[in-house]
Amino acid sequence: MPKTGSRPSPMKFLPEAALLLSLLATAAEAQAVVGDGIPRPLTAEAGDAARGRAIVGNRQRGLCLLCHTGPFPEERFQGNLAPSLAGAGSRSTPAQLRLRLVDPRRLNPATIMPPYYSTEGLARVGTAWGGKTVLSAAEIEDVIAFLTTLRD
């Protein structure tokens, strides 16, 4: 029985530390930039285009239509600050779309597009949002699945 106030051996925590490092390495590897994209999906499951469309059109979640316009006839007041999403699947590969969603600052440090899956280097983040990404990895893959369907 350990003495009162004694500390457990650091060796006791090695398996947990190894698992944590492995998970962090896997997450970083999934976001590895190759050229102008992130080729590996962020999740093991494929994204769902219907869920992606819902995220893109949602003004509280994705906020895409604040700056972009696109083939959303039911949505009034679409943005004009950024390129149209129409034809995004023809203009960009899934890897390119993934990088632009994860952290567009890697391509253009002066961009006004927010990083949807990064918490690094952000300024004036509300307390409730600190350390959190705007979208989850699965939501990023859903948006990519939808954007790749936009061919015209």
N, C-alpha and C. Protein backbone atom coordinates (compact mmCIF):
# COMPACT_ATOMS: atom_id res chain seq x y z
N MET A 1 0.85 -1.18 0.00
CA MET A 1 0.00 0.00 0.00
C MET A 1 0.89 1.24 0.00
N PRO A 2 0.63 2.22 -0.91
CA PRO A 2 1.49 3.40 -0.96
C PRO A 2 1.33 4.25 0.29
N LYS A 3 2.39 4.95 0.61
CA LYS A 3 2.35 5.87 1.74
C LYS A 3 1.46 7.05 1.40
N THR A 4 0.89 7.64 2.44
CA THR A 4 0.06 8.83 2.24
C THR A 4 0.91 9.93 1.64
N GLY A 5 0.41 10.54 0.59
CA GLY A 5 1.13 11.62 -0.07
C GLY A 5 2.13 11.15 -1.10
N SER A 6 2.30 9.86 -1.27
CA SER A 6 3.26 9.38 -2.28
C SER A 6 2.64 9.44 -3.66
N ARG A 7 3.46 9.53 -4.63
CA ARG A 7 3.00 9.65 -6.02
C ARG A 7 3.11 8.29 -6.70
N PRO A 8 2.15 8.00 -7.63
CA PRO A 8 2.27 6.76 -8.39
C PRO A 8 3.48 6.84 -9.33
N SER A 9 4.00 5.71 -9.66
CA SER A 9 5.15 5.65 -10.57
C SER A 9 4.75 6.17 -11.95
N PRO A 10 5.60 7.00 -12.58
CA PRO A 10 5.30 7.48 -13.93
C PRO A 10 5.14 6.34 -14.92
N MET A 11 5.77 5.21 -14.65
CA MET A 11 5.68 4.06 -15.55
C MET A 11 4.24 3.55 -15.65
N LYS A 12 3.45 3.80 -14.62
CA LYS A 12 2.05 3.35 -14.60
C LYS A 12 1.25 3.99 -15.73
N PHE A 13 1.63 5.17 -16.14
CA PHE A 13 0.85 5.93 -17.12
C PHE A 13 1.38 5.78 -18.55
N LEU A 14 2.41 5.00 -18.77
CA LEU A 14 2.98 4.85 -20.11
C LEU A 14 1.99 4.33 -21.14
N PRO A 15 1.18 3.30 -20.86
CA PRO A 15 0.23 2.84 -21.88
C PRO A 15 -0.77 3.93 -22.30
N GLU A 16 -1.27 4.68 -21.32
CA GLU A 16 -2.22 5.75 -21.63
C GLU A 16 -1.54 6.86 -22.43
N ALA A 17 -0.33 7.20 -22.06
CA ALA A 17 0.41 8.23 -22.78
C ALA A 17 0.69 7.80 -24.22
N ALA A 18 1.05 6.53 -24.40
CA ALA A 18 1.31 6.02 -25.74
C ALA A 18 0.05 6.07 -26.59
N LEU A 19 -1.09 5.71 -26.00
CA LEU A 19 -2.36 5.77 -26.73
C LEU A 19 -2.69 7.20 -27.12
N LEU A 20 -2.53 8.13 -26.21
CA LEU A 20 -2.81 9.54 -26.49
C LEU A 20 -1.92 10.05 -27.61
N LEU A 21 -0.64 9.76 -27.56
CA LEU A 21 0.28 10.19 -28.62
C LEU A 21 -0.09 9.57 -29.96
N SER A 22 -0.51 8.33 -29.95
CA SER A 22 -0.93 7.66 -31.18
C SER A 22 -2.16 8.34 -31.77
N LEU A 23 -3.14 8.67 -30.91
CA LEU A 23 -4.34 9.35 -31.40
C LEU A 23 -4.03 10.74 -31.95
N LEU A 24 -3.15 11.46 -31.27
CA LEU A 24 -2.76 12.79 -31.76
C LEU A 24 -2.02 12.69 -33.09
N ALA A 25 -1.16 11.71 -33.23
CA ALA A 25 -0.43 11.52 -34.48
C ALA A 25 -1.38 11.16 -35.61
N THR A 26 -2.39 10.33 -35.32
CA THR A 26 -3.38 9.94 -36.33
C THR A 26 -4.18 11.16 -36.78
N ALA A 27 -4.59 12.01 -35.83
CA ALA A 27 -5.36 13.21 -36.18
C ALA A 27 -4.51 14.16 -37.01
N ALA A 28 -3.25 14.34 -36.64
CA ALA A 28 -2.37 15.23 -37.40
C ALA A 28 -2.11 14.66 -38.78
N GLU A 29 -1.94 13.35 -38.88
CA GLU A 29 -1.70 12.70 -40.17
C GLU A 29 -2.91 12.87 -41.08
N ALA A 30 -4.11 12.79 -40.51
CA ALA A 30 -5.33 12.94 -41.30
C ALA A 30 -5.42 14.34 -41.89
N GLN A 31 -4.79 15.32 -41.24
CA GLN A 31 -4.84 16.69 -41.73
C GLN A 31 -3.57 17.08 -42.48
N ALA A 32 -2.77 16.12 -42.86
CA ALA A 32 -1.52 16.41 -43.56
C ALA A 32 -1.82 17.04 -44.92
N VAL A 33 -1.23 18.19 -45.16
CA VAL A 33 -1.41 18.91 -46.41
C VAL A 33 -0.42 18.37 -47.43
N VAL A 34 -0.94 18.03 -48.60
CA VAL A 34 -0.11 17.58 -49.72
C VAL A 34 -0.47 18.49 -50.88
N GLY A 35 0.48 19.30 -51.31
CA GLY A 35 0.20 20.26 -52.38
C GLY A 35 -0.82 21.28 -51.91
N ASP A 36 -1.95 21.35 -52.59
CA ASP A 36 -2.99 22.33 -52.23
C ASP A 36 -4.23 21.65 -51.65
N GLY A 37 -4.01 20.52 -50.97
CA GLY A 37 -5.16 19.84 -50.39
C GLY A 37 -4.80 18.93 -49.23
N ILE A 38 -5.82 18.39 -48.62
CA ILE A 38 -5.68 17.37 -47.57
C ILE A 38 -6.31 16.12 -48.16
N PRO A 39 -5.49 15.19 -48.68
CA PRO A 39 -6.03 14.05 -49.41
C PRO A 39 -6.80 13.03 -48.56
N ARG A 40 -6.40 12.87 -47.30
CA ARG A 40 -7.06 11.85 -46.48
C ARG A 40 -8.29 12.41 -45.79
N PRO A 41 -9.42 11.69 -45.88
CA PRO A 41 -10.63 12.13 -45.15
C PRO A 41 -10.35 12.23 -43.65
N LEU A 42 -11.10 13.06 -42.99
CA LEU A 42 -10.93 13.26 -41.56
C LEU A 42 -11.61 12.18 -40.74
N THR A 43 -12.47 11.39 -41.37
CA THR A 43 -13.20 10.33 -40.69
C THR A 43 -13.10 9.04 -41.49
N ALA A 44 -13.40 7.94 -40.82
CA ALA A 44 -13.40 6.64 -41.50
C ALA A 44 -14.66 6.47 -42.36
N GLU A 45 -15.74 7.12 -41.97
CA GLU A 45 -16.99 7.02 -42.72
C GLU A 45 -17.06 8.12 -43.77
N ALA A 46 -17.65 7.76 -44.91
CA ALA A 46 -17.83 8.74 -45.98
C ALA A 46 -18.85 9.79 -45.55
N GLY A 47 -18.68 10.99 -46.06
CA GLY A 47 -19.62 12.06 -45.77
C GLY A 47 -20.96 11.82 -46.45
N ASP A 48 -21.98 12.47 -45.94
CA ASP A 48 -23.34 12.36 -46.46
C ASP A 48 -23.72 13.68 -47.12
N ALA A 49 -24.00 13.65 -48.42
CA ALA A 49 -24.28 14.87 -49.18
C ALA A 49 -25.53 15.59 -48.68
N ALA A 50 -26.55 14.86 -48.28
CA ALA A 50 -27.79 15.50 -47.79
C ALA A 50 -27.51 16.27 -46.49
N ARG A 51 -26.76 15.67 -45.59
CA ARG A 51 -26.40 16.38 -44.36
C ARG A 51 -25.51 17.58 -44.68
N GLY A 52 -24.61 17.41 -45.66
CA GLY A 52 -23.74 18.50 -46.07
C GLY A 52 -24.51 19.68 -46.62
N ARG A 53 -25.53 19.40 -47.43
CA ARG A 53 -26.36 20.48 -47.97
C ARG A 53 -27.06 21.22 -46.85
N ALA A 54 -27.54 20.48 -45.86
CA ALA A 54 -28.22 21.11 -44.72
C ALA A 54 -27.26 22.02 -43.95
N ILE A 55 -26.02 21.60 -43.80
CA ILE A 55 -25.03 22.43 -43.10
C ILE A 55 -24.73 23.69 -43.89
N VAL A 56 -24.51 23.54 -45.20
CA VAL A 56 -24.20 24.69 -46.05
C VAL A 56 -25.33 25.71 -46.02
N GLY A 57 -26.57 25.25 -46.03
CA GLY A 57 -27.71 26.16 -46.06
C GLY A 57 -28.14 26.69 -44.71
N ASN A 58 -27.56 26.17 -43.63
CA ASN A 58 -27.96 26.57 -42.29
C ASN A 58 -27.23 27.85 -41.87
N ARG A 59 -27.97 28.87 -41.59
CA ARG A 59 -27.38 30.17 -41.26
C ARG A 59 -26.89 30.27 -39.81
N GLN A 60 -27.15 29.26 -39.00
CA GLN A 60 -26.62 29.24 -37.65
C GLN A 60 -25.44 28.26 -37.51
N ARG A 61 -25.32 27.32 -38.41
CA ARG A 61 -24.28 26.29 -38.29
C ARG A 61 -23.12 26.53 -39.26
N GLY A 62 -23.37 26.36 -40.55
CA GLY A 62 -22.30 26.50 -41.53
C GLY A 62 -22.00 27.93 -41.92
N LEU A 63 -23.04 28.73 -41.99
CA LEU A 63 -22.91 30.15 -42.37
C LEU A 63 -22.32 30.37 -43.75
N CYS A 64 -22.30 29.34 -44.59
CA CYS A 64 -21.67 29.45 -45.91
C CYS A 64 -22.32 30.52 -46.77
N LEU A 65 -23.66 30.61 -46.68
CA LEU A 65 -24.38 31.53 -47.55
C LEU A 65 -24.29 32.98 -47.09
N LEU A 66 -23.61 33.20 -45.99
CA LEU A 66 -23.33 34.57 -45.58
C LEU A 66 -22.39 35.23 -46.59
N CYS A 67 -21.46 34.46 -47.13
CA CYS A 67 -20.47 34.98 -48.09
C CYS A 67 -20.64 34.41 -49.50
N HIS A 68 -21.07 33.16 -49.61
CA HIS A 68 -21.19 32.48 -50.90
C HIS A 68 -22.62 32.50 -51.41
N THR A 69 -22.75 32.38 -52.71
CA THR A 69 -24.03 32.12 -53.34
C THR A 69 -23.94 30.71 -53.93
N GLY A 70 -25.07 30.18 -54.33
CA GLY A 70 -25.04 28.84 -54.90
C GLY A 70 -26.41 28.40 -55.35
N PRO A 71 -26.53 27.15 -55.75
CA PRO A 71 -27.80 26.63 -56.27
C PRO A 71 -28.78 26.29 -55.14
N PHE A 72 -29.23 27.32 -54.46
CA PHE A 72 -30.16 27.18 -53.35
C PHE A 72 -31.34 28.14 -53.57
N PRO A 73 -32.24 27.81 -54.49
CA PRO A 73 -33.31 28.75 -54.83
C PRO A 73 -34.21 29.09 -53.65
N GLU A 74 -34.28 28.21 -52.67
CA GLU A 74 -35.13 28.47 -51.50
C GLU A 74 -34.52 29.45 -50.52
N GLU A 75 -33.23 29.73 -50.67
CA GLU A 75 -32.53 30.62 -49.75
C GLU A 75 -32.44 32.03 -50.32
N ARG A 76 -33.03 32.96 -49.60
CA ARG A 76 -32.94 34.36 -50.01
C ARG A 76 -31.68 34.96 -49.41
N PHE A 77 -31.24 36.05 -49.97
CA PHE A 77 -30.12 36.82 -49.43
C PHE A 77 -28.84 36.00 -49.30
N GLN A 78 -28.36 35.53 -50.43
CA GLN A 78 -27.09 34.82 -50.45
C GLN A 78 -25.95 35.82 -50.61
N GLY A 79 -24.79 35.45 -50.12
CA GLY A 79 -23.65 36.36 -50.12
C GLY A 79 -23.02 36.59 -51.48
N ASN A 80 -22.20 37.63 -51.55
CA ASN A 80 -21.47 37.93 -52.79
C ASN A 80 -20.01 38.31 -52.51
N LEU A 81 -19.50 37.91 -51.36
CA LEU A 81 -18.11 38.20 -51.00
C LEU A 81 -17.14 37.13 -51.46
N ALA A 82 -17.66 35.94 -51.75
CA ALA A 82 -16.81 34.79 -52.06
C ALA A 82 -17.32 34.12 -53.33
N PRO A 83 -16.54 33.23 -53.90
CA PRO A 83 -16.98 32.56 -55.14
C PRO A 83 -18.29 31.79 -54.94
N SER A 84 -19.02 31.66 -56.03
CA SER A 84 -20.24 30.86 -56.01
C SER A 84 -19.88 29.40 -55.73
N LEU A 85 -20.74 28.72 -55.01
CA LEU A 85 -20.54 27.30 -54.76
C LEU A 85 -21.00 26.45 -55.94
N ALA A 86 -21.74 27.04 -56.85
CA ALA A 86 -22.16 26.32 -58.06
C ALA A 86 -20.91 25.87 -58.81
N GLY A 87 -20.85 24.60 -59.14
CA GLY A 87 -19.70 24.07 -59.86
C GLY A 87 -18.49 23.78 -59.00
N ALA A 88 -18.62 23.88 -57.68
CA ALA A 88 -17.46 23.64 -56.79
C ALA A 88 -16.87 22.25 -57.01
N GLY A 89 -17.72 21.27 -57.27
CA GLY A 89 -17.24 19.92 -57.49
C GLY A 89 -16.49 19.74 -58.80
N SER A 90 -16.72 20.64 -59.75
CA SER A 90 -15.99 20.61 -61.02
C SER A 90 -14.66 21.36 -60.93
N ARG A 91 -14.63 22.39 -60.10
CA ARG A 91 -13.44 23.24 -59.99
C ARG A 91 -12.40 22.70 -59.01
N SER A 92 -12.84 21.94 -58.01
CA SER A 92 -11.93 21.52 -56.94
C SER A 92 -12.07 20.04 -56.64
N THR A 93 -10.97 19.44 -56.23
CA THR A 93 -10.99 18.04 -55.81
C THR A 93 -11.48 17.98 -54.36
N PRO A 94 -11.88 16.79 -53.90
CA PRO A 94 -12.22 16.67 -52.48
C PRO A 94 -11.08 17.10 -51.56
N ALA A 95 -9.85 16.79 -51.93
CA ALA A 95 -8.69 17.19 -51.11
C ALA A 95 -8.57 18.71 -51.03
N GLN A 96 -8.78 19.39 -52.15
CA GLN A 96 -8.71 20.85 -52.15
C GLN A 96 -9.84 21.45 -51.32
N LEU A 97 -11.04 20.90 -51.46
CA LEU A 97 -12.17 21.39 -50.67
C LEU A 97 -11.91 21.17 -49.18
N ARG A 98 -11.34 20.02 -48.84
CA ARG A 98 -11.06 19.70 -47.43
C ARG A 98 -10.12 20.74 -46.82
N LEU A 99 -9.05 21.09 -47.52
CA LEU A 99 -8.12 22.08 -46.99
C LEU A 99 -8.80 23.43 -46.84
N ARG A 100 -9.60 23.81 -47.81
CA ARG A 100 -10.27 25.10 -47.75
C ARG A 100 -11.26 25.18 -46.60
N LEU A 101 -11.84 24.05 -46.24
CA LEU A 101 -12.76 24.02 -45.10
C LEU A 101 -12.01 23.90 -43.77
N VAL A 102 -11.02 23.04 -43.72
CA VAL A 102 -10.28 22.82 -42.47
C VAL A 102 -9.58 24.10 -42.04
N ASP A 103 -8.80 24.69 -42.91
CA ASP A 103 -8.08 25.91 -42.56
C ASP A 103 -7.62 26.64 -43.82
N PRO A 104 -8.47 27.50 -44.39
CA PRO A 104 -8.11 28.20 -45.62
C PRO A 104 -6.91 29.14 -45.45
N ARG A 105 -6.54 29.46 -44.23
CA ARG A 105 -5.38 30.34 -44.00
C ARG A 105 -4.09 29.69 -44.47
N ARG A 106 -4.08 28.37 -44.63
CA ARG A 106 -2.89 27.69 -45.13
C ARG A 106 -2.63 28.03 -46.59
N LEU A 107 -3.68 28.43 -47.29
CA LEU A 107 -3.55 28.84 -48.69
C LEU A 107 -3.45 30.35 -48.83
N ASN A 108 -4.18 31.07 -47.99
CA ASN A 108 -4.20 32.52 -48.05
C ASN A 108 -4.30 33.06 -46.62
N PRO A 109 -3.19 33.45 -46.02
CA PRO A 109 -3.21 33.92 -44.63
C PRO A 109 -4.14 35.12 -44.40
N ALA A 110 -4.47 35.87 -45.45
CA ALA A 110 -5.32 37.04 -45.30
C ALA A 110 -6.80 36.75 -45.60
N THR A 111 -7.16 35.49 -45.78
CA THR A 111 -8.54 35.16 -46.12
C THR A 111 -9.53 35.60 -45.05
N ILE A 112 -10.75 35.90 -45.48
CA ILE A 112 -11.80 36.20 -44.50
C ILE A 112 -12.63 34.95 -44.19
N MET A 113 -12.37 33.85 -44.90
CA MET A 113 -13.09 32.61 -44.63
C MET A 113 -12.56 32.01 -43.34
N PRO A 114 -13.46 31.64 -42.45
CA PRO A 114 -13.00 31.07 -41.17
C PRO A 114 -12.49 29.65 -41.32
N PRO A 115 -11.59 29.24 -40.44
CA PRO A 115 -11.17 27.84 -40.42
C PRO A 115 -12.24 27.03 -39.68
N TYR A 116 -12.86 26.11 -40.37
CA TYR A 116 -13.97 25.36 -39.78
C TYR A 116 -13.50 24.17 -38.93
N TYR A 117 -12.23 23.78 -39.07
CA TYR A 117 -11.75 22.63 -38.30
C TYR A 117 -10.34 22.89 -37.76
N SER A 118 -10.15 24.06 -37.22
CA SER A 118 -8.88 24.42 -36.60
C SER A 118 -9.17 25.34 -35.43
N THR A 119 -8.37 25.21 -34.39
CA THR A 119 -8.51 26.10 -33.24
C THR A 119 -7.24 26.91 -33.01
N GLU A 120 -6.29 26.79 -33.90
CA GLU A 120 -5.00 27.45 -33.74
C GLU A 120 -4.99 28.84 -34.35
N GLY A 121 -4.32 29.76 -33.70
CA GLY A 121 -4.08 31.09 -34.25
C GLY A 121 -5.30 31.96 -34.41
N LEU A 122 -6.34 31.71 -33.63
CA LEU A 122 -7.56 32.50 -33.73
C LEU A 122 -7.54 33.65 -32.73
N ALA A 123 -8.14 34.77 -33.10
CA ALA A 123 -8.21 35.93 -32.23
C ALA A 123 -9.68 36.22 -31.91
N ARG A 124 -9.91 36.79 -30.77
CA ARG A 124 -11.25 37.22 -30.34
C ARG A 124 -12.28 36.09 -30.40
N VAL A 125 -11.93 34.95 -29.84
CA VAL A 125 -12.84 33.81 -29.79
C VAL A 125 -13.61 33.88 -28.48
N GLY A 126 -14.93 33.78 -28.56
CA GLY A 126 -15.76 33.81 -27.36
C GLY A 126 -15.43 32.66 -26.43
N THR A 127 -15.60 32.89 -25.15
CA THR A 127 -15.27 31.88 -24.14
C THR A 127 -15.94 30.55 -24.42
N ALA A 128 -17.20 30.57 -24.83
CA ALA A 128 -17.93 29.33 -25.09
C ALA A 128 -17.35 28.56 -26.27
N TRP A 129 -16.63 29.24 -27.16
CA TRP A 129 -16.09 28.59 -28.36
C TRP A 129 -14.61 28.24 -28.23
N GLY A 130 -13.95 28.67 -27.19
CA GLY A 130 -12.52 28.43 -27.03
C GLY A 130 -12.17 26.95 -27.10
N GLY A 131 -11.21 26.61 -27.95
CA GLY A 131 -10.76 25.23 -28.09
C GLY A 131 -11.69 24.32 -28.87
N LYS A 132 -12.75 24.87 -29.44
CA LYS A 132 -13.71 24.07 -30.20
C LYS A 132 -13.65 24.46 -31.67
N THR A 133 -13.85 23.46 -32.52
CA THR A 133 -13.91 23.74 -33.96
C THR A 133 -15.34 24.14 -34.32
N VAL A 134 -15.50 24.87 -35.41
CA VAL A 134 -16.84 25.29 -35.85
C VAL A 134 -17.65 24.07 -36.27
N LEU A 135 -17.04 23.20 -37.06
CA LEU A 135 -17.68 21.97 -37.50
C LEU A 135 -16.87 20.77 -37.03
N SER A 136 -17.53 19.65 -36.86
CA SER A 136 -16.84 18.41 -36.50
C SER A 136 -16.20 17.81 -37.75
N ALA A 137 -15.34 16.82 -37.55
CA ALA A 137 -14.72 16.13 -38.69
C ALA A 137 -15.79 15.52 -39.59
N ALA A 138 -16.80 14.91 -38.99
CA ALA A 138 -17.88 14.29 -39.78
C ALA A 138 -18.64 15.34 -40.58
N GLU A 139 -18.88 16.50 -39.97
CA GLU A 139 -19.58 17.57 -40.68
C GLU A 139 -18.75 18.11 -41.84
N ILE A 140 -17.44 18.22 -41.66
CA ILE A 140 -16.55 18.63 -42.76
C ILE A 140 -16.70 17.65 -43.91
N GLU A 141 -16.66 16.36 -43.63
CA GLU A 141 -16.79 15.35 -44.68
C GLU A 141 -18.18 15.39 -45.33
N ASP A 142 -19.21 15.71 -44.56
CA ASP A 142 -20.56 15.85 -45.13
C ASP A 142 -20.61 17.02 -46.12
N VAL A 143 -20.01 18.15 -45.74
CA VAL A 143 -20.00 19.32 -46.62
C VAL A 143 -19.22 19.01 -47.90
N ILE A 144 -18.10 18.32 -47.77
CA ILE A 144 -17.31 17.94 -48.96
C ILE A 144 -18.14 17.02 -49.86
N ALA A 145 -18.83 16.05 -49.26
CA ALA A 145 -19.68 15.15 -50.05
C ALA A 145 -20.72 15.93 -50.83
N PHE A 146 -21.29 16.96 -50.22
CA PHE A 146 -22.27 17.79 -50.92
C PHE A 146 -21.62 18.64 -52.01
N LEU A 147 -20.54 19.33 -51.65
CA LEU A 147 -19.91 20.24 -52.63
C LEU A 147 -19.42 19.50 -53.86
N THR A 148 -18.99 18.26 -53.71
CA THR A 148 -18.53 17.51 -54.88
C THR A 148 -19.68 17.14 -55.82
N THR A 149 -20.92 17.25 -55.35
CA THR A 149 -22.07 16.98 -56.24
C THR A 149 -22.40 18.20 -57.11
N LEU A 150 -21.86 19.36 -56.75
CA LEU A 150 -22.16 20.59 -57.50
C LEU A 150 -21.23 20.67 -58.70
N ARG A 151 -21.71 20.19 -59.83
CA ARG A 151 -20.88 20.07 -61.03
C ARG A 151 -21.17 21.14 -62.08
N ASP A 152 -22.26 21.83 -61.98
CA ASP A 152 -22.61 22.83 -63.02
C ASP A 152 -22.39 24.23 -62.54
